[in-house]
Amino acid sequence: MALSIKPIGDRVVVEAAPAEEKTASGIYIPDTAKEKPSQGTVVAVGTGKPDEPLTVQVGDKVLYGKYAGTEITYEGKEYLIMRESDIYAVL
C-alpha cells in the first residue's frame, strides 16, 4: 500500500518498529516501562534540497534519535515525520 503523505524538502516519514514486548530472558515489559523505539522503516521521502539529494529511500530500515521527529496518526497508524539529518544510520 502506498502512503499518500508526501513530505516536503528533506523530510521523511518513518513507521516506527513496535516496542519490545519482553526481554531476552523472557520477562514481559509493562506498557509504562517500554522504551520508545529508535528504529523503523522509511515509508515516504521528500524531494530533498536543491543542493543536497536525499540518501534514504522508501523501504530502508533506519536508526534515529529517541526524541527525533513529530509523531502523527494517519489512517489509524502511527508515523514519525523527521528531517533526514535526524537519521543516524541505514540498517
N, C-alpha and C. Protein backbone atom coordinates (compact mmCIF):
# COMPACT_ATOMS: atom_id res chain seq x y z
N MET A 1 0.83 -1.17 0.00
CA MET A 1 0.00 0.00 0.00
C MET A 1 0.88 1.24 0.00
N ALA A 2 0.64 2.14 -0.92
CA ALA A 2 1.41 3.37 -0.99
C ALA A 2 0.82 4.39 -0.03
N LEU A 3 1.68 5.10 0.65
CA LEU A 3 1.26 6.13 1.59
C LEU A 3 1.01 7.41 0.81
N SER A 4 -0.14 8.05 1.05
CA SER A 4 -0.48 9.25 0.29
C SER A 4 0.10 10.52 0.90
N ILE A 5 0.86 10.42 1.98
CA ILE A 5 1.54 11.59 2.55
C ILE A 5 2.81 11.83 1.74
N LYS A 6 3.01 13.06 1.28
CA LYS A 6 4.22 13.40 0.55
C LYS A 6 4.98 14.46 1.35
N PRO A 7 6.07 14.08 2.02
CA PRO A 7 6.83 15.05 2.81
C PRO A 7 7.49 16.10 1.91
N ILE A 8 7.74 17.26 2.48
CA ILE A 8 8.31 18.38 1.73
C ILE A 8 9.79 18.53 2.07
N GLY A 9 10.60 18.86 1.08
CA GLY A 9 12.02 19.13 1.29
C GLY A 9 12.78 17.90 1.73
N ASP A 10 13.58 18.06 2.79
CA ASP A 10 14.44 16.96 3.24
C ASP A 10 13.80 16.13 4.34
N ARG A 11 12.50 16.11 4.40
CA ARG A 11 11.80 15.35 5.43
C ARG A 11 11.45 13.95 4.92
N VAL A 12 11.36 13.01 5.88
CA VAL A 12 10.99 11.64 5.57
C VAL A 12 9.91 11.19 6.54
N VAL A 13 9.08 10.24 6.14
CA VAL A 13 8.06 9.65 7.00
C VAL A 13 8.54 8.25 7.36
N VAL A 14 8.58 7.96 8.66
CA VAL A 14 9.08 6.68 9.16
C VAL A 14 7.98 6.00 9.96
N GLU A 15 7.80 4.72 9.72
CA GLU A 15 6.90 3.90 10.54
C GLU A 15 7.78 3.22 11.59
N ALA A 16 7.56 3.57 12.85
CA ALA A 16 8.39 3.04 13.93
C ALA A 16 8.18 1.54 14.11
N ALA A 17 9.26 0.85 14.43
CA ALA A 17 9.17 -0.58 14.74
C ALA A 17 8.42 -0.73 16.07
N PRO A 18 7.70 -1.82 16.26
CA PRO A 18 6.98 -2.00 17.53
C PRO A 18 7.94 -2.11 18.70
N ALA A 19 7.52 -1.61 19.86
CA ALA A 19 8.34 -1.69 21.07
C ALA A 19 8.45 -3.14 21.53
N GLU A 20 9.55 -3.44 22.18
CA GLU A 20 9.78 -4.81 22.66
C GLU A 20 8.73 -5.19 23.70
N GLU A 21 8.16 -6.39 23.56
CA GLU A 21 7.15 -6.89 24.50
C GLU A 21 7.78 -7.58 25.70
N LYS A 22 8.96 -8.22 25.49
CA LYS A 22 9.62 -8.90 26.59
C LYS A 22 11.13 -8.84 26.40
N THR A 23 11.84 -9.07 27.49
CA THR A 23 13.30 -9.02 27.46
C THR A 23 13.86 -10.31 26.87
N ALA A 24 15.16 -10.32 26.66
CA ALA A 24 15.81 -11.52 26.12
C ALA A 24 15.68 -12.70 27.07
N SER A 25 15.57 -12.43 28.36
CA SER A 25 15.44 -13.51 29.33
C SER A 25 13.99 -13.96 29.52
N GLY A 26 13.03 -13.33 28.81
CA GLY A 26 11.65 -13.78 28.86
C GLY A 26 10.75 -13.01 29.79
N ILE A 27 11.22 -11.93 30.38
CA ILE A 27 10.39 -11.13 31.29
C ILE A 27 9.57 -10.16 30.46
N TYR A 28 8.25 -10.14 30.69
CA TYR A 28 7.37 -9.23 29.95
C TYR A 28 7.49 -7.81 30.49
N ILE A 29 7.53 -6.84 29.59
CA ILE A 29 7.69 -5.44 29.95
C ILE A 29 6.31 -4.78 29.97
N PRO A 30 5.93 -4.13 31.08
CA PRO A 30 4.63 -3.44 31.11
C PRO A 30 4.65 -2.21 30.19
N ASP A 31 3.47 -1.79 29.77
CA ASP A 31 3.36 -0.66 28.85
C ASP A 31 4.01 0.60 29.39
N THR A 32 3.94 0.82 30.68
CA THR A 32 4.50 2.04 31.26
C THR A 32 6.02 2.05 31.27
N ALA A 33 6.66 0.90 31.14
CA ALA A 33 8.12 0.82 31.20
C ALA A 33 8.76 0.62 29.83
N LYS A 34 7.97 0.52 28.78
CA LYS A 34 8.53 0.31 27.45
C LYS A 34 9.25 1.56 26.97
N GLU A 35 10.39 1.34 26.34
CA GLU A 35 11.14 2.46 25.77
C GLU A 35 10.61 2.77 24.39
N LYS A 36 10.73 4.02 24.03
CA LYS A 36 10.31 4.46 22.71
C LYS A 36 11.26 3.83 21.67
N PRO A 37 10.73 3.24 20.60
CA PRO A 37 11.61 2.60 19.62
C PRO A 37 12.50 3.64 18.93
N SER A 38 13.70 3.24 18.54
CA SER A 38 14.61 4.14 17.86
C SER A 38 14.98 3.63 16.47
N GLN A 39 14.17 2.73 15.95
CA GLN A 39 14.38 2.27 14.58
C GLN A 39 13.03 2.09 13.91
N GLY A 40 13.05 2.13 12.59
CA GLY A 40 11.81 1.99 11.85
C GLY A 40 12.09 1.86 10.36
N THR A 41 11.01 1.91 9.58
CA THR A 41 11.09 1.76 8.13
C THR A 41 10.62 3.04 7.46
N VAL A 42 11.39 3.50 6.49
CA VAL A 42 11.02 4.70 5.74
C VAL A 42 9.86 4.35 4.81
N VAL A 43 8.76 5.10 4.89
CA VAL A 43 7.59 4.83 4.05
C VAL A 43 7.34 5.92 3.02
N ALA A 44 7.94 7.10 3.17
CA ALA A 44 7.82 8.16 2.18
C ALA A 44 8.99 9.12 2.35
N VAL A 45 9.46 9.69 1.24
CA VAL A 45 10.57 10.65 1.27
C VAL A 45 10.19 11.89 0.49
N GLY A 46 10.77 13.02 0.89
CA GLY A 46 10.57 14.28 0.18
C GLY A 46 11.49 14.35 -1.03
N THR A 47 11.56 15.52 -1.63
CA THR A 47 12.37 15.71 -2.83
C THR A 47 13.81 16.08 -2.51
N GLY A 48 14.08 16.43 -1.26
CA GLY A 48 15.42 16.85 -0.88
C GLY A 48 15.62 18.33 -1.14
N LYS A 49 16.78 18.83 -0.76
CA LYS A 49 17.13 20.22 -1.03
C LYS A 49 17.77 20.29 -2.41
N PRO A 50 17.73 21.44 -3.07
CA PRO A 50 18.30 21.54 -4.42
C PRO A 50 19.78 21.15 -4.48
N ASP A 51 20.54 21.46 -3.44
CA ASP A 51 21.97 21.15 -3.45
C ASP A 51 22.32 19.87 -2.70
N GLU A 52 21.33 19.23 -2.07
CA GLU A 52 21.57 18.00 -1.31
C GLU A 52 20.46 16.98 -1.56
N PRO A 53 20.67 16.03 -2.46
CA PRO A 53 19.64 14.99 -2.66
C PRO A 53 19.57 14.07 -1.44
N LEU A 54 18.41 13.45 -1.23
CA LEU A 54 18.23 12.54 -0.10
C LEU A 54 18.99 11.24 -0.34
N THR A 55 19.52 10.67 0.74
CA THR A 55 20.26 9.41 0.62
C THR A 55 19.44 8.21 1.06
N VAL A 56 18.31 8.42 1.75
CA VAL A 56 17.46 7.31 2.14
C VAL A 56 16.37 7.11 1.10
N GLN A 57 15.88 5.89 1.02
CA GLN A 57 14.84 5.55 0.05
C GLN A 57 13.69 4.84 0.78
N VAL A 58 12.56 4.79 0.14
CA VAL A 58 11.41 4.09 0.70
C VAL A 58 11.79 2.62 0.90
N GLY A 59 11.48 2.08 2.08
CA GLY A 59 11.79 0.69 2.39
C GLY A 59 13.05 0.51 3.22
N ASP A 60 13.88 1.55 3.34
CA ASP A 60 15.10 1.45 4.15
C ASP A 60 14.75 1.32 5.63
N LYS A 61 15.47 0.45 6.33
CA LYS A 61 15.34 0.35 7.79
C LYS A 61 16.39 1.30 8.37
N VAL A 62 15.95 2.20 9.27
CA VAL A 62 16.84 3.24 9.76
C VAL A 62 16.85 3.31 11.28
N LEU A 63 17.95 3.86 11.81
CA LEU A 63 18.08 4.19 13.23
C LEU A 63 17.98 5.70 13.35
N TYR A 64 17.23 6.18 14.34
CA TYR A 64 17.07 7.62 14.53
C TYR A 64 17.10 7.94 16.01
N GLY A 65 17.19 9.21 16.33
CA GLY A 65 17.26 9.65 17.72
C GLY A 65 15.99 9.33 18.49
N LYS A 66 16.11 9.13 19.77
CA LYS A 66 14.99 8.74 20.61
C LYS A 66 13.84 9.75 20.57
N TYR A 67 14.17 11.04 20.51
CA TYR A 67 13.15 12.08 20.50
C TYR A 67 13.07 12.80 19.16
N ALA A 68 13.51 12.15 18.10
CA ALA A 68 13.51 12.77 16.77
C ALA A 68 12.11 12.77 16.17
N GLY A 69 11.84 13.78 15.38
CA GLY A 69 10.62 13.81 14.60
C GLY A 69 9.36 14.21 15.35
N THR A 70 8.30 14.31 14.57
CA THR A 70 6.98 14.65 15.08
C THR A 70 6.06 13.47 14.87
N GLU A 71 5.40 13.03 15.92
CA GLU A 71 4.51 11.88 15.82
C GLU A 71 3.17 12.31 15.22
N ILE A 72 2.70 11.53 14.25
CA ILE A 72 1.38 11.78 13.66
C ILE A 72 0.63 10.45 13.58
N THR A 73 -0.69 10.53 13.52
CA THR A 73 -1.53 9.37 13.28
C THR A 73 -2.25 9.61 11.97
N TYR A 74 -2.11 8.67 11.04
CA TYR A 74 -2.73 8.80 9.73
C TYR A 74 -3.38 7.47 9.38
N GLU A 75 -4.67 7.50 9.12
CA GLU A 75 -5.45 6.30 8.79
C GLU A 75 -5.25 5.21 9.83
N GLY A 76 -5.21 5.60 11.12
CA GLY A 76 -5.12 4.65 12.21
C GLY A 76 -3.73 4.10 12.50
N LYS A 77 -2.70 4.56 11.80
CA LYS A 77 -1.33 4.09 12.04
C LYS A 77 -0.48 5.25 12.54
N GLU A 78 0.52 4.91 13.35
CA GLU A 78 1.43 5.90 13.91
C GLU A 78 2.65 6.05 12.99
N TYR A 79 3.00 7.29 12.70
CA TYR A 79 4.17 7.61 11.88
C TYR A 79 4.97 8.72 12.54
N LEU A 80 6.22 8.88 12.11
CA LEU A 80 7.08 9.99 12.51
C LEU A 80 7.49 10.75 11.26
N ILE A 81 7.38 12.07 11.30
CA ILE A 81 7.93 12.90 10.23
C ILE A 81 9.17 13.57 10.79
N MET A 82 10.31 13.36 10.12
CA MET A 82 11.57 13.91 10.62
C MET A 82 12.45 14.35 9.46
N ARG A 83 13.43 15.16 9.78
CA ARG A 83 14.43 15.56 8.78
C ARG A 83 15.38 14.38 8.56
N GLU A 84 15.95 14.34 7.36
CA GLU A 84 16.89 13.27 7.08
C GLU A 84 18.10 13.35 8.01
N SER A 85 18.45 14.54 8.45
CA SER A 85 19.61 14.69 9.35
C SER A 85 19.37 14.08 10.73
N ASP A 86 18.10 13.79 11.09
CA ASP A 86 17.80 13.13 12.35
C ASP A 86 18.03 11.62 12.28
N ILE A 87 18.27 11.10 11.09
CA ILE A 87 18.53 9.67 10.90
C ILE A 87 20.02 9.42 11.07
N TYR A 88 20.36 8.47 11.94
CA TYR A 88 21.76 8.18 12.22
C TYR A 88 22.37 7.17 11.26
N ALA A 89 21.60 6.14 10.88
CA ALA A 89 22.17 5.07 10.06
C ALA A 89 21.08 4.32 9.32
N VAL A 90 21.45 3.70 8.22
CA VAL A 90 20.59 2.79 7.48
C VAL A 90 21.06 1.38 7.80
N LEU A 91 20.13 0.53 8.21
CA LEU A 91 20.49 -0.86 8.58
C LEU A 91 20.50 -1.76 7.37
